[in-house]
Structure formats: structure tokens, C-alpha cells
Amino acid sequence: MAAKILANLIVMGSSILARAFVQAYRQALSNASKNGVAQEAVQNIKRSSKTMTEAEARQILGVTEDSSWEEIVQKYDNLFERNAKNGSFYLQSKA
């Protein structure tokens, strides 16, 4: 019984930490965009990510190359929140 409770606490704690990390990361990107550092961060993410191309990400979000950073973040947040309600953490972590 105690092992089951401990396992549930560990799982809940990990999901809470993951959500907090994602929110902190979004806030850091938002702050960086105000300082002009966001473009450099985006370029570093593009170079290090091998799971999804920029074209695939744009297609999923429904944005073009001319879309503003704010529009991209808004669409990402919208999809992320909709997936949080009806989807899975796995799909969210792939975003």
C-alpha cells in the first residue's frame, strides 16, 4: 500500500515539475524576445533538434515564415493547452 502511494506521489511530482519547467522555459523565451536574444535561442534549438524540422513544426502550428514570434507562441500555447485537456503528456513533450 505504501509503495503504491509513493509511486503515485513520484508520478504526480514529476508531472508538476515538468509543467513548471515548460512554463519557466516559455517565460524565459518571452523575456529573451524582449532583449533580442530569442532569435539566437531559436537558431540553437534548430541546430540541436533532430526530431522535427522547421517545416514540420510550421505545418503543425499552421504558421508561415512571415508569422511573428508572438503568433507562433500563441498558437503553440493554444495547442499545448488543448492537448493537456484531451491529449497525452507524451504528445506535449514532443512539441
N, C-alpha and C. Protein backbone atom coordinates (compact mmCIF):
# COMPACT_ATOMS: atom_id res chain seq x y z
N MET A 1 0.82 -1.19 0.00
CA MET A 1 0.00 0.00 0.00
C MET A 1 0.87 1.27 0.00
N ALA A 2 1.89 1.26 0.86
CA ALA A 2 2.78 2.43 0.93
C ALA A 2 3.55 2.61 -0.37
N ALA A 3 3.93 1.52 -1.01
CA ALA A 3 4.67 1.61 -2.27
C ALA A 3 3.81 2.23 -3.35
N LYS A 4 2.53 1.88 -3.35
CA LYS A 4 1.61 2.44 -4.36
C LYS A 4 1.45 3.94 -4.15
N ILE A 5 1.31 4.36 -2.90
CA ILE A 5 1.18 5.79 -2.60
C ILE A 5 2.46 6.52 -2.98
N LEU A 6 3.60 5.93 -2.66
CA LEU A 6 4.87 6.55 -3.00
C LEU A 6 5.04 6.67 -4.52
N ALA A 7 4.65 5.63 -5.25
CA ALA A 7 4.74 5.68 -6.71
C ALA A 7 3.84 6.77 -7.27
N ASN A 8 2.62 6.90 -6.74
CA ASN A 8 1.71 7.95 -7.19
C ASN A 8 2.27 9.33 -6.90
N LEU A 9 2.87 9.51 -5.72
CA LEU A 9 3.47 10.80 -5.40
C LEU A 9 4.63 11.13 -6.32
N ILE A 10 5.42 10.15 -6.66
CA ILE A 10 6.55 10.38 -7.57
C ILE A 10 6.05 10.77 -8.96
N VAL A 11 5.03 10.07 -9.45
CA VAL A 11 4.48 10.38 -10.77
C VAL A 11 3.87 11.78 -10.79
N MET A 12 3.07 12.10 -9.76
CA MET A 12 2.46 13.44 -9.71
C MET A 12 3.52 14.52 -9.58
N GLY A 13 4.53 14.27 -8.74
CA GLY A 13 5.60 15.25 -8.57
C GLY A 13 6.36 15.49 -9.85
N SER A 14 6.62 14.41 -10.61
CA SER A 14 7.33 14.59 -11.88
C SER A 14 6.51 15.39 -12.87
N SER A 15 5.20 15.14 -12.94
CA SER A 15 4.39 15.89 -13.89
C SER A 15 4.30 17.36 -13.50
N ILE A 16 4.23 17.63 -12.20
CA ILE A 16 4.21 19.02 -11.74
C ILE A 16 5.52 19.71 -12.08
N LEU A 17 6.63 19.03 -11.85
CA LEU A 17 7.93 19.62 -12.20
C LEU A 17 8.08 19.84 -13.70
N ALA A 18 7.58 18.91 -14.49
CA ALA A 18 7.67 19.06 -15.95
C ALA A 18 6.86 20.27 -16.41
N ARG A 19 5.66 20.42 -15.87
CA ARG A 19 4.84 21.58 -16.25
C ARG A 19 5.50 22.89 -15.82
N ALA A 20 6.07 22.90 -14.63
CA ALA A 20 6.76 24.10 -14.14
C ALA A 20 7.96 24.42 -15.03
N PHE A 21 8.69 23.41 -15.46
CA PHE A 21 9.83 23.61 -16.34
C PHE A 21 9.38 24.22 -17.66
N VAL A 22 8.30 23.69 -18.24
CA VAL A 22 7.80 24.19 -19.52
C VAL A 22 7.36 25.64 -19.37
N GLN A 23 6.65 25.96 -18.29
CA GLN A 23 6.22 27.34 -18.08
C GLN A 23 7.42 28.27 -17.89
N ALA A 24 8.43 27.83 -17.14
CA ALA A 24 9.61 28.65 -16.94
C ALA A 24 10.36 28.86 -18.26
N TYR A 25 10.41 27.82 -19.08
CA TYR A 25 11.08 27.93 -20.37
C TYR A 25 10.35 28.92 -21.27
N ARG A 26 9.02 28.84 -21.29
CA ARG A 26 8.25 29.80 -22.09
C ARG A 26 8.47 31.23 -21.61
N GLN A 27 8.50 31.41 -20.28
CA GLN A 27 8.74 32.75 -19.74
C GLN A 27 10.14 33.23 -20.09
N ALA A 28 11.11 32.34 -20.04
CA ALA A 28 12.48 32.72 -20.41
C ALA A 28 12.55 33.14 -21.87
N LEU A 29 11.86 32.40 -22.75
CA LEU A 29 11.84 32.79 -24.16
C LEU A 29 11.13 34.12 -24.36
N SER A 30 10.07 34.33 -23.60
CA SER A 30 9.35 35.60 -23.69
C SER A 30 10.27 36.75 -23.26
N ASN A 31 10.97 36.56 -22.16
CA ASN A 31 11.91 37.59 -21.69
C ASN A 31 13.04 37.79 -22.68
N ALA A 32 13.50 36.70 -23.27
CA ALA A 32 14.59 36.80 -24.23
C ALA A 32 14.15 37.56 -25.48
N SER A 33 12.90 37.38 -25.88
CA SER A 33 12.44 38.09 -27.07
C SER A 33 12.41 39.59 -26.84
N LYS A 34 12.19 39.99 -25.61
CA LYS A 34 12.22 41.41 -25.28
C LYS A 34 13.63 41.96 -25.36
N ASN A 35 14.61 41.11 -25.14
CA ASN A 35 16.01 41.54 -25.15
C ASN A 35 16.69 41.28 -26.48
N GLY A 36 15.98 40.65 -27.42
CA GLY A 36 16.57 40.36 -28.72
C GLY A 36 17.41 39.09 -28.73
N VAL A 37 17.34 38.29 -27.70
CA VAL A 37 18.13 37.07 -27.62
C VAL A 37 17.35 35.89 -28.18
N ALA A 38 16.06 36.06 -28.40
CA ALA A 38 15.20 34.94 -28.81
C ALA A 38 15.64 34.34 -30.13
N GLN A 39 16.02 35.16 -31.08
CA GLN A 39 16.42 34.63 -32.38
C GLN A 39 17.63 33.70 -32.26
N GLU A 40 18.57 34.08 -31.40
CA GLU A 40 19.74 33.23 -31.19
C GLU A 40 19.33 31.92 -30.54
N ALA A 41 18.42 31.98 -29.58
CA ALA A 41 17.93 30.76 -28.91
C ALA A 41 17.21 29.87 -29.91
N VAL A 42 16.40 30.45 -30.78
CA VAL A 42 15.69 29.67 -31.79
C VAL A 42 16.67 29.00 -32.73
N GLN A 43 17.71 29.71 -33.13
CA GLN A 43 18.72 29.13 -34.01
C GLN A 43 19.43 27.96 -33.33
N ASN A 44 19.73 28.08 -32.05
CA ASN A 44 20.38 26.99 -31.31
C ASN A 44 19.46 25.79 -31.20
N ILE A 45 18.18 26.03 -30.99
CA ILE A 45 17.22 24.94 -30.90
C ILE A 45 17.12 24.23 -32.24
N LYS A 46 17.09 24.99 -33.32
CA LYS A 46 17.01 24.39 -34.65
C LYS A 46 18.21 23.49 -34.92
N ARG A 47 19.39 23.94 -34.52
CA ARG A 47 20.60 23.17 -34.77
C ARG A 47 20.64 21.88 -33.95
N SER A 48 20.16 21.94 -32.70
CA SER A 48 20.28 20.78 -31.83
C SER A 48 19.14 19.79 -31.98
N SER A 49 18.01 20.21 -32.54
CA SER A 49 16.85 19.33 -32.66
C SER A 49 16.93 18.50 -33.92
N LYS A 50 16.81 17.20 -33.76
CA LYS A 50 16.85 16.31 -34.91
C LYS A 50 15.53 15.56 -35.05
N THR A 51 14.57 15.86 -34.19
CA THR A 51 13.32 15.12 -34.20
C THR A 51 12.27 15.74 -35.12
N MET A 52 12.31 17.04 -35.32
CA MET A 52 11.30 17.70 -36.13
C MET A 52 11.95 18.85 -36.90
N THR A 53 11.62 18.94 -38.17
CA THR A 53 12.16 20.03 -38.97
C THR A 53 11.32 21.28 -38.76
N GLU A 54 11.88 22.40 -39.16
CA GLU A 54 11.15 23.66 -39.04
C GLU A 54 9.88 23.63 -39.90
N ALA A 55 9.98 23.04 -41.07
CA ALA A 55 8.81 22.96 -41.96
C ALA A 55 7.69 22.15 -41.32
N GLU A 56 8.05 21.03 -40.66
CA GLU A 56 7.04 20.22 -39.98
C GLU A 56 6.39 21.01 -38.84
N ALA A 57 7.19 21.71 -38.08
CA ALA A 57 6.67 22.50 -36.97
C ALA A 57 5.74 23.60 -37.47
N ARG A 58 6.13 24.27 -38.54
CA ARG A 58 5.27 25.32 -39.10
C ARG A 58 3.96 24.74 -39.60
N GLN A 59 4.02 23.56 -40.20
CA GLN A 59 2.80 22.93 -40.71
C GLN A 59 1.87 22.56 -39.55
N ILE A 60 2.43 22.01 -38.48
CA ILE A 60 1.62 21.62 -37.33
C ILE A 60 0.97 22.85 -36.69
N LEU A 61 1.74 23.92 -36.54
CA LEU A 61 1.22 25.13 -35.91
C LEU A 61 0.34 25.95 -36.85
N GLY A 62 0.47 25.72 -38.14
CA GLY A 62 -0.32 26.48 -39.11
C GLY A 62 0.19 27.90 -39.28
N VAL A 63 1.51 28.08 -39.28
CA VAL A 63 2.10 29.40 -39.45
C VAL A 63 3.01 29.40 -40.68
N THR A 64 3.33 30.58 -41.15
CA THR A 64 4.23 30.72 -42.30
C THR A 64 5.56 31.31 -41.83
N GLU A 65 6.49 31.43 -42.74
CA GLU A 65 7.78 32.01 -42.40
C GLU A 65 7.64 33.49 -42.03
N ASP A 66 6.57 34.13 -42.48
CA ASP A 66 6.36 35.54 -42.20
C ASP A 66 5.63 35.78 -40.88
N SER A 67 5.23 34.73 -40.19
CA SER A 67 4.49 34.87 -38.95
C SER A 67 5.38 35.48 -37.87
N SER A 68 4.76 36.28 -37.01
CA SER A 68 5.51 36.91 -35.92
C SER A 68 5.76 35.89 -34.81
N TRP A 69 6.76 36.19 -33.99
CA TRP A 69 7.10 35.30 -32.88
C TRP A 69 5.91 35.17 -31.92
N GLU A 70 5.22 36.28 -31.68
CA GLU A 70 4.08 36.26 -30.77
C GLU A 70 2.98 35.34 -31.29
N GLU A 71 2.72 35.36 -32.60
CA GLU A 71 1.70 34.50 -33.19
C GLU A 71 2.09 33.02 -33.05
N ILE A 72 3.36 32.73 -33.27
CA ILE A 72 3.84 31.35 -33.15
C ILE A 72 3.68 30.86 -31.72
N VAL A 73 4.10 31.67 -30.74
CA VAL A 73 4.00 31.28 -29.34
C VAL A 73 2.53 31.11 -28.94
N GLN A 74 1.66 32.00 -29.44
CA GLN A 74 0.23 31.90 -29.11
C GLN A 74 -0.36 30.60 -29.64
N LYS A 75 -0.03 30.24 -30.87
CA LYS A 75 -0.56 29.00 -31.44
C LYS A 75 0.01 27.79 -30.72
N TYR A 76 1.29 27.85 -30.36
CA TYR A 76 1.90 26.75 -29.61
C TYR A 76 1.20 26.57 -28.26
N ASP A 77 1.04 27.68 -27.54
CA ASP A 77 0.38 27.61 -26.23
C ASP A 77 -1.04 27.06 -26.36
N ASN A 78 -1.75 27.49 -27.39
CA ASN A 78 -3.12 27.03 -27.60
C ASN A 78 -3.15 25.52 -27.83
N LEU A 79 -2.30 25.02 -28.71
CA LEU A 79 -2.26 23.58 -28.97
C LEU A 79 -1.80 22.80 -27.74
N PHE A 80 -0.83 23.36 -27.01
CA PHE A 80 -0.32 22.69 -25.82
C PHE A 80 -1.42 22.55 -24.77
N GLU A 81 -2.18 23.61 -24.56
CA GLU A 81 -3.25 23.58 -23.56
C GLU A 81 -4.38 22.65 -23.99
N ARG A 82 -4.74 22.68 -25.27
CA ARG A 82 -5.79 21.76 -25.73
C ARG A 82 -5.34 20.32 -25.57
N ASN A 83 -4.09 20.04 -25.83
CA ASN A 83 -3.58 18.68 -25.66
C ASN A 83 -3.53 18.30 -24.18
N ALA A 84 -3.27 19.26 -23.31
CA ALA A 84 -3.22 18.97 -21.88
C ALA A 84 -4.58 18.51 -21.38
N LYS A 85 -5.65 19.08 -21.95
CA LYS A 85 -7.01 18.71 -21.52
C LYS A 85 -7.46 17.39 -22.12
N ASN A 86 -7.14 17.16 -23.38
CA ASN A 86 -7.69 16.00 -24.08
C ASN A 86 -6.65 15.02 -24.62
N GLY A 87 -5.39 15.32 -24.42
CA GLY A 87 -4.35 14.51 -25.05
C GLY A 87 -3.50 13.76 -24.05
N SER A 88 -2.22 13.68 -24.37
CA SER A 88 -1.31 12.94 -23.52
C SER A 88 -0.05 13.75 -23.27
N PHE A 89 0.64 13.43 -22.16
CA PHE A 89 1.89 14.10 -21.85
C PHE A 89 2.95 13.78 -22.89
N TYR A 90 2.89 12.58 -23.46
CA TYR A 90 3.85 12.20 -24.50
C TYR A 90 3.78 13.17 -25.68
N LEU A 91 2.56 13.47 -26.14
CA LEU A 91 2.42 14.38 -27.27
C LEU A 91 2.89 15.79 -26.89
N GLN A 92 2.62 16.20 -25.66
CA GLN A 92 3.08 17.50 -25.23
C GLN A 92 4.61 17.56 -25.21
N SER A 93 5.24 16.50 -24.76
CA SER A 93 6.69 16.51 -24.67
C SER A 93 7.35 16.50 -26.05
N LYS A 94 6.64 16.06 -27.08
CA LYS A 94 7.18 16.06 -28.43
C LYS A 94 7.14 17.46 -29.04
N ALA A 95 6.37 18.37 -28.47
CA ALA A 95 6.21 19.71 -29.03
C ALA A 95 7.43 20.56 -28.85
